[in-house]
Amino acid sequence: MCNLAMTKLLEWISVLSALFAVWYSLIGGYVKHPLIEKNMNLILVSPILFVILFGLYAVTVVLYRVFTFNNCEEAAKELQEQIVEARKDLKEKGIKW
């Protein structure tokens, strides 16, 4: 589990570093092109736009997974049976509530 999390973390850091490097090279003037100079305001606010788009993506993924969440009827029934069994066991041991 830890290796998977670290791999995902490194993946995110790599992508963000690459995006930052491209953005910084555009802002710093390392890349010269008429379209870049014409759209400098858009390039300046692009990190904010990316954060907004990522937030929309995250909300969409969470909502999709909530709406398509599977119910496990067998597991719910088994859990209810275990609760009844545990209450009976505790009652036999003298615990009341």
PDB file of N, CA and C in Angstrom:
ATOM      1  N   MET A   1       0.832  -1.199   0.000  1.00  0.00           N
ATOM      2  CA  MET A   1       0.000   0.000   0.000  1.00  0.00           C
ATOM      3  C   MET A   1       0.870   1.253   0.000  1.00  0.00           C
ATOM      4  N   CYS A   2       1.930   1.227   0.767  1.00  0.00           N
ATOM      5  CA  CYS A   2       2.798   2.393   0.860  1.00  0.00           C
ATOM      6  C   CYS A   2       3.488   2.675  -0.466  1.00  0.00           C
ATOM      7  N   ASN A   3       3.913   1.627  -1.160  1.00  0.00           N
ATOM      8  CA  ASN A   3       4.573   1.830  -2.445  1.00  0.00           C
ATOM      9  C   ASN A   3       3.636   2.450  -3.454  1.00  0.00           C
ATOM     10  N   LEU A   4       2.366   2.034  -3.440  1.00  0.00           N
ATOM     11  CA  LEU A   4       1.387   2.598  -4.359  1.00  0.00           C
ATOM     12  C   LEU A   4       1.179   4.079  -4.076  1.00  0.00           C
ATOM     13  N   ALA A   5       1.073   4.443  -2.810  1.00  0.00           N
ATOM     14  CA  ALA A   5       0.872   5.843  -2.446  1.00  0.00           C
ATOM     15  C   ALA A   5       2.089   6.674  -2.837  1.00  0.00           C
ATOM     16  N   MET A   6       3.268   6.145  -2.604  1.00  0.00           N
ATOM     17  CA  MET A   6       4.476   6.884  -2.947  1.00  0.00           C
ATOM     18  C   MET A   6       4.593   7.025  -4.454  1.00  0.00           C
ATOM     19  N   THR A   7       4.233   5.993  -5.190  1.00  0.00           N
ATOM     20  CA  THR A   7       4.279   6.062  -6.645  1.00  0.00           C
ATOM     21  C   THR A   7       3.314   7.126  -7.143  1.00  0.00           C
ATOM     22  N   LYS A   8       2.117   7.171  -6.585  1.00  0.00           N
ATOM     23  CA  LYS A   8       1.131   8.168  -6.985  1.00  0.00           C
ATOM     24  C   LYS A   8       1.620   9.567  -6.621  1.00  0.00           C
ATOM     25  N   LEU A   9       2.219   9.704  -5.448  1.00  0.00           N
ATOM     26  CA  LEU A   9       2.763  10.999  -5.043  1.00  0.00           C
ATOM     27  C   LEU A   9       3.841  11.461  -6.019  1.00  0.00           C
ATOM     28  N   LEU A  10       4.741  10.560  -6.366  1.00  0.00           N
ATOM     29  CA  LEU A  10       5.804  10.921  -7.306  1.00  0.00           C
ATOM     30  C   LEU A  10       5.239  11.248  -8.686  1.00  0.00           C
ATOM     31  N   GLU A  11       4.174  10.555  -9.070  1.00  0.00           N
ATOM     32  CA  GLU A  11       3.524  10.853 -10.349  1.00  0.00           C
ATOM     33  C   GLU A  11       2.973  12.274 -10.348  1.00  0.00           C
ATOM     34  N   TRP A  12       2.281  12.646  -9.266  1.00  0.00           N
ATOM     35  CA  TRP A  12       1.722  14.000  -9.163  1.00  0.00           C
ATOM     36  C   TRP A  12       2.834  15.051  -9.128  1.00  0.00           C
ATOM     37  N   ILE A  13       3.882  14.790  -8.369  1.00  0.00           N
ATOM     38  CA  ILE A  13       4.988  15.744  -8.286  1.00  0.00           C
ATOM     39  C   ILE A  13       5.654  15.912  -9.646  1.00  0.00           C
ATOM     40  N   SER A  14       5.812  14.829 -10.384  1.00  0.00           N
ATOM     41  CA  SER A  14       6.433  14.897 -11.712  1.00  0.00           C
ATOM     42  C   SER A  14       5.592  15.726 -12.680  1.00  0.00           C
ATOM     43  N   VAL A  15       4.288  15.474 -12.692  1.00  0.00           N
ATOM     44  CA  VAL A  15       3.407  16.211 -13.602  1.00  0.00           C
ATOM     45  C   VAL A  15       3.380  17.688 -13.227  1.00  0.00           C
ATOM     46  N   LEU A  16       3.248  17.978 -11.939  1.00  0.00           N
ATOM     47  CA  LEU A  16       3.217  19.376 -11.507  1.00  0.00           C
ATOM     48  C   LEU A  16       4.541  20.081 -11.789  1.00  0.00           C
ATOM     49  N   SER A  17       5.642  19.379 -11.624  1.00  0.00           N
ATOM     50  CA  SER A  17       6.951  19.975 -11.926  1.00  0.00           C
ATOM     51  C   SER A  17       7.089  20.282 -13.409  1.00  0.00           C
ATOM     52  N   ALA A  18       6.625  19.372 -14.257  1.00  0.00           N
ATOM     53  CA  ALA A  18       6.689  19.605 -15.701  1.00  0.00           C
ATOM     54  C   ALA A  18       5.814  20.783 -16.102  1.00  0.00           C
ATOM     55  N   LEU A  19       4.606  20.844 -15.551  1.00  0.00           N
ATOM     56  CA  LEU A  19       3.716  21.974 -15.864  1.00  0.00           C
ATOM     57  C   LEU A  19       4.307  23.296 -15.364  1.00  0.00           C
ATOM     58  N   PHE A  20       4.880  23.273 -14.170  1.00  0.00           N
ATOM     59  CA  PHE A  20       5.495  24.490 -13.642  1.00  0.00           C
ATOM     60  C   PHE A  20       6.675  24.923 -14.504  1.00  0.00           C
ATOM     61  N   ALA A  21       7.463  23.971 -14.965  1.00  0.00           N
ATOM     62  CA  ALA A  21       8.626  24.304 -15.797  1.00  0.00           C
ATOM     63  C   ALA A  21       8.182  24.951 -17.110  1.00  0.00           C
ATOM     64  N   VAL A  22       7.146  24.424 -17.716  1.00  0.00           N
ATOM     65  CA  VAL A  22       6.633  25.021 -18.962  1.00  0.00           C
ATOM     66  C   VAL A  22       6.085  26.406 -18.697  1.00  0.00           C
ATOM     67  N   TRP A  23       5.290  26.538 -17.630  1.00  0.00           N
ATOM     68  CA  TRP A  23       4.691  27.836 -17.302  1.00  0.00           C
ATOM     69  C   TRP A  23       5.784  28.865 -16.996  1.00  0.00           C
ATOM     70  N   TYR A  24       6.781  28.462 -16.227  1.00  0.00           N
ATOM     71  CA  TYR A  24       7.856  29.391 -15.870  1.00  0.00           C
ATOM     72  C   TYR A  24       8.670  29.803 -17.088  1.00  0.00           C
ATOM     73  N   SER A  25       8.883  28.887 -18.013  1.00  0.00           N
ATOM     74  CA  SER A  25       9.638  29.247 -19.217  1.00  0.00           C
ATOM     75  C   SER A  25       8.848  30.220 -20.082  1.00  0.00           C
ATOM     76  N   LEU A  26       7.528  30.093 -20.079  1.00  0.00           N
ATOM     77  CA  LEU A  26       6.703  31.043 -20.834  1.00  0.00           C
ATOM     78  C   LEU A  26       6.693  32.416 -20.166  1.00  0.00           C
ATOM     79  N   ILE A  27       6.568  32.432 -18.851  1.00  0.00           N
ATOM     80  CA  ILE A  27       6.536  33.698 -18.111  1.00  0.00           C
ATOM     81  C   ILE A  27       7.909  34.369 -18.139  1.00  0.00           C
ATOM     82  N   GLY A  28       8.955  33.590 -17.988  1.00  0.00           N
ATOM     83  CA  GLY A  28      10.306  34.140 -17.906  1.00  0.00           C
ATOM     84  C   GLY A  28      10.858  34.650 -19.222  1.00  0.00           C
ATOM     85  N   GLY A  29      10.156  34.409 -20.304  1.00  0.00           N
ATOM     86  CA  GLY A  29      10.621  34.898 -21.589  1.00  0.00           C
ATOM     87  C   GLY A  29      11.642  34.002 -22.257  1.00  0.00           C
ATOM     88  N   TYR A  30      11.760  32.775 -21.799  1.00  0.00           N
ATOM     89  CA  TYR A  30      12.718  31.851 -22.408  1.00  0.00           C
ATOM     90  C   TYR A  30      12.233  31.358 -23.771  1.00  0.00           C
ATOM     91  N   VAL A  31      10.931  31.404 -23.984  1.00  0.00           N
ATOM     92  CA  VAL A  31      10.343  30.992 -25.261  1.00  0.00           C
ATOM     93  C   VAL A  31       9.778  32.245 -25.913  1.00  0.00           C
ATOM     94  N   LYS A  32      10.227  32.540 -27.104  1.00  0.00           N
ATOM     95  CA  LYS A  32       9.765  33.735 -27.816  1.00  0.00           C
ATOM     96  C   LYS A  32       8.861  33.314 -28.973  1.00  0.00           C
ATOM     97  N   HIS A  33       7.654  33.843 -28.963  1.00  0.00           N
ATOM     98  CA  HIS A  33       6.709  33.590 -30.046  1.00  0.00           C
ATOM     99  C   HIS A  33       5.644  34.678 -29.988  1.00  0.00           C
ATOM    100  N   PRO A  34       5.166  35.142 -31.129  1.00  0.00           N
ATOM    101  CA  PRO A  34       4.151  36.200 -31.110  1.00  0.00           C
ATOM    102  C   PRO A  34       2.862  35.793 -30.393  1.00  0.00           C
ATOM    103  N   LEU A  35       2.460  34.549 -30.492  1.00  0.00           N
ATOM    104  CA  LEU A  35       1.239  34.110 -29.805  1.00  0.00           C
ATOM    105  C   LEU A  35       1.403  34.148 -28.294  1.00  0.00           C
ATOM    106  N   ILE A  36       2.603  33.852 -27.826  1.00  0.00           N
ATOM    107  CA  ILE A  36       2.851  33.875 -26.383  1.00  0.00           C
ATOM    108  C   ILE A  36       2.780  35.308 -25.871  1.00  0.00           C
ATOM    109  N   GLU A  37       3.391  36.232 -26.587  1.00  0.00           N
ATOM    110  CA  GLU A  37       3.366  37.636 -26.163  1.00  0.00           C
ATOM    111  C   GLU A  37       1.954  38.203 -26.234  1.00  0.00           C
ATOM    112  N   LYS A  38       1.168  37.755 -27.200  1.00  0.00           N
ATOM    113  CA  LYS A  38      -0.203  38.232 -27.365  1.00  0.00           C
ATOM    114  C   LYS A  38      -1.110  37.707 -26.248  1.00  0.00           C
ATOM    115  N   ASN A  39      -0.871  36.498 -25.778  1.00  0.00           N
ATOM    116  CA  ASN A  39      -1.727  35.863 -24.771  1.00  0.00           C
ATOM    117  C   ASN A  39      -1.066  35.793 -23.399  1.00  0.00           C
ATOM    118  N   MET A  40      -0.237  36.750 -23.059  1.00  0.00           N
ATOM    119  CA  MET A  40       0.492  36.728 -21.793  1.00  0.00           C
ATOM    120  C   MET A  40      -0.456  36.778 -20.596  1.00  0.00           C
ATOM    121  N   ASN A  41      -1.561  37.520 -20.691  1.00  0.00           N
ATOM    122  CA  ASN A  41      -2.501  37.572 -19.569  1.00  0.00           C
ATOM    123  C   ASN A  41      -3.104  36.203 -19.284  1.00  0.00           C
ATOM    124  N   LEU A  42      -3.430  35.466 -20.340  1.00  0.00           N
ATOM    125  CA  LEU A  42      -3.969  34.117 -20.164  1.00  0.00           C
ATOM    126  C   LEU A  42      -2.919  33.188 -19.561  1.00  0.00           C
ATOM    127  N   ILE A  43      -1.687  33.340 -19.974  1.00  0.00           N
ATOM    128  CA  ILE A  43      -0.609  32.507 -19.432  1.00  0.00           C
ATOM    129  C   ILE A  43      -0.387  32.824 -17.952  1.00  0.00           C
ATOM    130  N   LEU A  44      -0.514  34.098 -17.583  1.00  0.00           N
ATOM    131  CA  LEU A  44      -0.316  34.477 -16.182  1.00  0.00           C
ATOM    132  C   LEU A  44      -1.372  33.868 -15.265  1.00  0.00           C
ATOM    133  N   VAL A  45      -2.614  33.787 -15.710  1.00  0.00           N
ATOM    134  CA  VAL A  45      -3.689  33.261 -14.860  1.00  0.00           C
ATOM    135  C   VAL A  45      -3.929  31.766 -15.079  1.00  0.00           C
ATOM    136  N   SER A  46      -3.159  31.133 -15.932  1.00  0.00           N
ATOM    137  CA  SER A  46      -3.385  29.713 -16.214  1.00  0.00           C
ATOM    138  C   SER A  46      -3.268  28.809 -14.980  1.00  0.00           C
ATOM    139  N   PRO A  47      -2.380  29.064 -14.014  1.00  0.00           N
ATOM    140  CA  PRO A  47      -2.383  28.199 -12.814  1.00  0.00           C
ATOM    141  C   PRO A  47      -3.712  28.255 -12.057  1.00  0.00           C
ATOM    142  N   ILE A  48      -4.309  29.432 -11.999  1.00  0.00           N
ATOM    143  CA  ILE A  48      -5.608  29.560 -11.330  1.00  0.00           C
ATOM    144  C   ILE A  48      -6.664  28.785 -12.104  1.00  0.00           C
ATOM    145  N   LEU A  49      -6.626  28.875 -13.419  1.00  0.00           N
ATOM    146  CA  LEU A  49      -7.584  28.135 -14.242  1.00  0.00           C
ATOM    147  C   LEU A  49      -7.398  26.634 -14.076  1.00  0.00           C
ATOM    148  N   PHE A  50      -6.162  26.172 -13.991  1.00  0.00           N
ATOM    149  CA  PHE A  50      -5.900  24.750 -13.787  1.00  0.00           C
ATOM    150  C   PHE A  50      -6.430  24.279 -12.433  1.00  0.00           C
ATOM    151  N   VAL A  51      -6.281  25.085 -11.405  1.00  0.00           N
ATOM    152  CA  VAL A  51      -6.793  24.708 -10.084  1.00  0.00           C
ATOM    153  C   VAL A  51      -8.314  24.610 -10.121  1.00  0.00           C
ATOM    154  N   ILE A  52      -8.968  25.565 -10.786  1.00  0.00           N
ATOM    155  CA  ILE A  52     -10.427  25.533 -10.903  1.00  0.00           C
ATOM    156  C   ILE A  52     -10.870  24.300 -11.682  1.00  0.00           C
ATOM    157  N   LEU A  53     -10.204  24.010 -12.798  1.00  0.00           N
ATOM    158  CA  LEU A  53     -10.550  22.830 -13.594  1.00  0.00           C
ATOM    159  C   LEU A  53     -10.310  21.543 -12.818  1.00  0.00           C
ATOM    160  N   PHE A  54      -9.222  21.485 -12.053  1.00  0.00           N
ATOM    161  CA  PHE A  54      -8.965  20.300 -11.241  1.00  0.00           C
ATOM    162  C   PHE A  54     -10.038  20.129 -10.173  1.00  0.00           C
ATOM    163  N   GLY A  55     -10.488  21.235  -9.570  1.00  0.00           N
ATOM    164  CA  GLY A  55     -11.566  21.164  -8.584  1.00  0.00           C
ATOM    165  C   GLY A  55     -12.855  20.644  -9.196  1.00  0.00           C
ATOM    166  N   LEU A  56     -13.182  21.112 -10.393  1.00  0.00           N
ATOM    167  CA  LEU A  56     -14.376  20.618 -11.078  1.00  0.00           C
ATOM    168  C   LEU A  56     -14.256  19.132 -11.399  1.00  0.00           C
ATOM    169  N   TYR A  57     -13.070  18.722 -11.831  1.00  0.00           N
ATOM    170  CA  TYR A  57     -12.832  17.304 -12.108  1.00  0.00           C
ATOM    171  C   TYR A  57     -13.008  16.470 -10.841  1.00  0.00           C
ATOM    172  N   ALA A  58     -12.438  16.940  -9.731  1.00  0.00           N
ATOM    173  CA  ALA A  58     -12.521  16.196  -8.475  1.00  0.00           C
ATOM    174  C   ALA A  58     -13.965  16.070  -8.003  1.00  0.00           C
ATOM    175  N   VAL A  59     -14.722  17.147  -8.086  1.00  0.00           N
ATOM    176  CA  VAL A  59     -16.132  17.113  -7.677  1.00  0.00           C
ATOM    177  C   VAL A  59     -16.913  16.152  -8.567  1.00  0.00           C
ATOM    178  N   THR A  60     -16.630  16.177  -9.861  1.00  0.00           N
ATOM    179  CA  THR A  60     -17.318  15.283 -10.791  1.00  0.00           C
ATOM    180  C   THR A  60     -17.012  13.823 -10.474  1.00  0.00           C
ATOM    181  N   VAL A  61     -15.765  13.514 -10.207  1.00  0.00           N
ATOM    182  CA  VAL A  61     -15.390  12.132  -9.885  1.00  0.00           C
ATOM    183  C   VAL A  61     -16.054  11.679  -8.593  1.00  0.00           C
ATOM    184  N   VAL A  62     -16.049  12.524  -7.573  1.00  0.00           N
ATOM    185  CA  VAL A  62     -16.665  12.158  -6.293  1.00  0.00           C
ATOM    186  C   VAL A  62     -18.166  11.941  -6.476  1.00  0.00           C
ATOM    187  N   LEU A  63     -18.834  12.837  -7.165  1.00  0.00           N
ATOM    188  CA  LEU A  63     -20.278  12.680  -7.379  1.00  0.00           C
ATOM    189  C   LEU A  63     -20.590  11.428  -8.195  1.00  0.00           C
ATOM    190  N   TYR A  64     -19.808  11.164  -9.214  1.00  0.00           N
ATOM    191  CA  TYR A  64     -20.028   9.962 -10.017  1.00  0.00           C
ATOM    192  C   TYR A  64     -19.885   8.704  -9.170  1.00  0.00           C
ATOM    193  N   ARG A  65     -18.861   8.663  -8.335  1.00  0.00           N
ATOM    194  CA  ARG A  65     -18.640   7.476  -7.512  1.00  0.00           C
ATOM    195  C   ARG A  65     -19.684   7.339  -6.417  1.00  0.00           C
ATOM    196  N   VAL A  66     -20.211   8.455  -5.929  1.00  0.00           N
ATOM    197  CA  VAL A  66     -21.284   8.381  -4.939  1.00  0.00           C
ATOM    198  C   VAL A  66     -22.557   7.837  -5.593  1.00  0.00           C
ATOM    199  N   PHE A  67     -22.887   8.325  -6.780  1.00  0.00           N
ATOM    200  CA  PHE A  67     -24.113   7.892  -7.443  1.00  0.00           C
ATOM    201  C   PHE A  67     -24.034   6.465  -7.967  1.00  0.00           C
ATOM    202  N   THR A  68     -22.844   5.954  -8.218  1.00  0.00           N
ATOM    203  CA  THR A  68     -22.711   4.590  -8.725  1.00  0.00           C
ATOM    204  C   THR A  68     -22.207   3.633  -7.646  1.00  0.00           C
ATOM    205  N   PHE A  69     -22.351   4.018  -6.381  1.00  0.00           N
ATOM    206  CA  PHE A  69     -21.894   3.191  -5.267  1.00  0.00           C
ATOM    207  C   PHE A  69     -22.755   1.933  -5.178  1.00  0.00           C
ATOM    208  N   ASN A  70     -22.102   0.781  -5.034  1.00  0.00           N
ATOM    209  CA  ASN A  70     -22.821  -0.492  -4.963  1.00  0.00           C
ATOM    210  C   ASN A  70     -23.241  -0.794  -3.537  1.00  0.00           C
ATOM    211  N   ASN A  71     -24.480  -1.255  -3.384  1.00  0.00           N
ATOM    212  CA  ASN A  71     -24.944  -1.742  -2.096  1.00  0.00           C
ATOM    213  C   ASN A  71     -24.646  -3.230  -2.006  1.00  0.00           C
ATOM    214  N   CYS A  72     -24.211  -3.656  -0.862  1.00  0.00           N
ATOM    215  CA  CYS A  72     -23.920  -5.075  -0.643  1.00  0.00           C
ATOM    216  C   CYS A  72     -24.968  -5.614   0.326  1.00  0.00           C
ATOM    217  N   GLU A  73     -26.062  -6.118  -0.215  1.00  0.00           N
ATOM    218  CA  GLU A  73     -27.175  -6.584   0.612  1.00  0.00           C
ATOM    219  C   GLU A  73     -26.762  -7.768   1.483  1.00  0.00           C
ATOM    220  N   GLU A  74     -25.976  -8.691   0.928  1.00  0.00           N
ATOM    221  CA  GLU A  74     -25.556  -9.857   1.707  1.00  0.00           C
ATOM    222  C   GLU A  74     -24.681  -9.437   2.883  1.00  0.00           C
ATOM    223  N   ALA A  75     -23.779  -8.507   2.634  1.00  0.00           N
ATOM    224  CA  ALA A  75     -22.890  -8.046   3.701  1.00  0.00           C
ATOM    225  C   ALA A  75     -23.683  -7.308   4.783  1.00  0.00           C
ATOM    226  N   ALA A  76     -24.682  -6.525   4.384  1.00  0.00           N
ATOM    227  CA  ALA A  76     -25.509  -5.813   5.359  1.00  0.00           C
ATOM    228  C   ALA A  76     -26.289  -6.804   6.221  1.00  0.00           C
ATOM    229  N   LYS A  77     -26.832  -7.844   5.603  1.00  0.00           N
ATOM    230  CA  LYS A  77     -27.581  -8.860   6.347  1.00  0.00           C
ATOM    231  C   LYS A  77     -26.659  -9.601   7.316  1.00  0.00           C
ATOM    232  N   GLU A  78     -25.458  -9.950   6.848  1.00  0.00           N
ATOM    233  CA  GLU A  78     -24.492 -10.638   7.699  1.00  0.00           C
ATOM    234  C   GLU A  78     -24.084  -9.765   8.879  1.00  0.00           C
ATOM    235  N   LEU A  79     -23.899  -8.479   8.630  1.00  0.00           N
ATOM    236  CA  LEU A  79     -23.527  -7.557   9.709  1.00  0.00           C
ATOM    237  C   LEU A  79     -24.644  -7.443  10.737  1.00  0.00           C
ATOM    238  N   GLN A  80     -25.891  -7.369  10.288  1.00  0.00           N
ATOM    239  CA  GLN A  80     -27.024  -7.311  11.217  1.00  0.00           C
ATOM    240  C   GLN A  80     -27.088  -8.575  12.073  1.00  0.00           C
ATOM    241  N   GLU A  81     -26.833  -9.740  11.462  1.00  0.00           N
ATOM    242  CA  GLU A  81     -26.819 -10.990  12.220  1.00  0.00           C
ATOM    243  C   GLU A  81     -25.704 -10.987  13.257  1.00  0.00           C
ATOM    244  N   GLN A  82     -24.542 -10.454  12.900  1.00  0.00           N
ATOM    245  CA  GLN A  82     -23.432 -10.378  13.846  1.00  0.00           C
ATOM    246  C   GLN A  82     -23.741  -9.436  14.995  1.00  0.00           C
ATOM    247  N   ILE A  83     -24.474  -8.350  14.715  1.00  0.00           N
ATOM    248  CA  ILE A  83     -24.860  -7.405  15.773  1.00  0.00           C
ATOM    249  C   ILE A  83     -25.808  -8.083  16.752  1.00  0.00           C
ATOM    250  N   VAL A  84     -26.789  -8.823  16.228  1.00  0.00           N
ATOM    251  CA  VAL A  84     -27.730  -9.539  17.089  1.00  0.00           C
ATOM    252  C   VAL A  84     -26.978 -10.567  17.933  1.00  0.00           C
ATOM    253  N   GLU A  85     -26.057 -11.282  17.324  1.00  0.00           N
ATOM    254  CA  GLU A  85     -25.267 -12.284  18.042  1.00  0.00           C
ATOM    255  C   GLU A  85     -24.409 -11.635  19.124  1.00  0.00           C
ATOM    256  N   ALA A  86     -23.795 -10.500  18.810  1.00  0.00           N
ATOM    257  CA  ALA A  86     -22.956  -9.807  19.793  1.00  0.00           C
ATOM    258  C   ALA A  86     -23.790  -9.293  20.960  1.00  0.00           C
ATOM    259  N   ARG A  87     -24.995  -8.767  20.671  1.00  0.00           N
ATOM    260  CA  ARG A  87     -25.864  -8.287  21.757  1.00  0.00           C
ATOM    261  C   ARG A  87     -26.286  -9.443  22.668  1.00  0.00           C
ATOM    262  N   LYS A  88     -26.597 -10.579  22.048  1.00  0.00           N
ATOM    263  CA  LYS A  88     -26.985 -11.747  22.838  1.00  0.00           C
ATOM    264  C   LYS A  88     -25.816 -12.193  23.713  1.00  0.00           C
ATOM    265  N   ASP A  89     -24.624 -12.190  23.167  1.00  0.00           N
ATOM    266  CA  ASP A  89     -23.435 -12.586  23.913  1.00  0.00           C
ATOM    267  C   ASP A  89     -23.164 -11.625  25.069  1.00  0.00           C
ATOM    268  N   LEU A  90     -23.302 -10.337  24.820  1.00  0.00           N
ATOM    269  CA  LEU A  90     -23.083  -9.351  25.884  1.00  0.00           C
ATOM    270  C   LEU A  90     -24.164  -9.450  26.956  1.00  0.00           C
ATOM    271  N   LYS A  91     -25.390  -9.743  26.549  1.00  0.00           N
ATOM    272  CA  LYS A  91     -26.484  -9.881  27.515  1.00  0.00           C
ATOM    273  C   LYS A  91     -26.236 -11.085  28.416  1.00  0.00           C
ATOM    274  N   GLU A  92     -25.704 -12.180  27.843  1.00  0.00           N
ATOM    275  CA  GLU A  92     -25.382 -13.364  28.636  1.00  0.00           C
ATOM    276  C   GLU A  92     -24.271 -13.069  29.645  1.00  0.00           C
ATOM    277  N   LYS A  93     -23.400 -12.109  29.322  1.00  0.00           N
ATOM    278  CA  LYS A  93     -22.301 -11.760  30.215  1.00  0.00           C
ATOM    279  C   LYS A  93     -22.720 -10.719  31.254  1.00  0.00           C
ATOM    280  N   GLY A  94     -23.979 -10.255  31.155  1.00  0.00           N
ATOM    281  CA  GLY A  94     -24.507  -9.339  32.171  1.00  0.00           C
ATOM    282  C   GLY A  94     -24.436  -7.874  31.794  1.00  0.00           C
ATOM    283  N   ILE A  95     -24.087  -7.566  30.587  1.00  0.00           N
ATOM    284  CA  ILE A  95     -24.017  -6.156  30.162  1.00  0.00           C
ATOM    285  C   ILE A  95     -25.365  -5.775  29.568  1.00  0.00           C
ATOM    286  N   LYS A  96     -25.942  -4.664  30.080  1.00  0.00           N
ATOM    287  CA  LYS A  96     -27.244  -4.210  29.594  1.00  0.00           C
ATOM    288  C   LYS A  96     -27.142  -2.777  29.129  1.00  0.00           C
ATOM    289  N   TRP A  97     -27.980  -2.419  28.165  1.00  0.00           N
ATOM    290  CA  TRP A  97     -28.090  -1.030  27.715  1.00  0.00           C
ATOM    291  C   TRP A  97     -29.465  -0.735  27.233  1.00  0.00           C
TER     292      TRP A  97
END
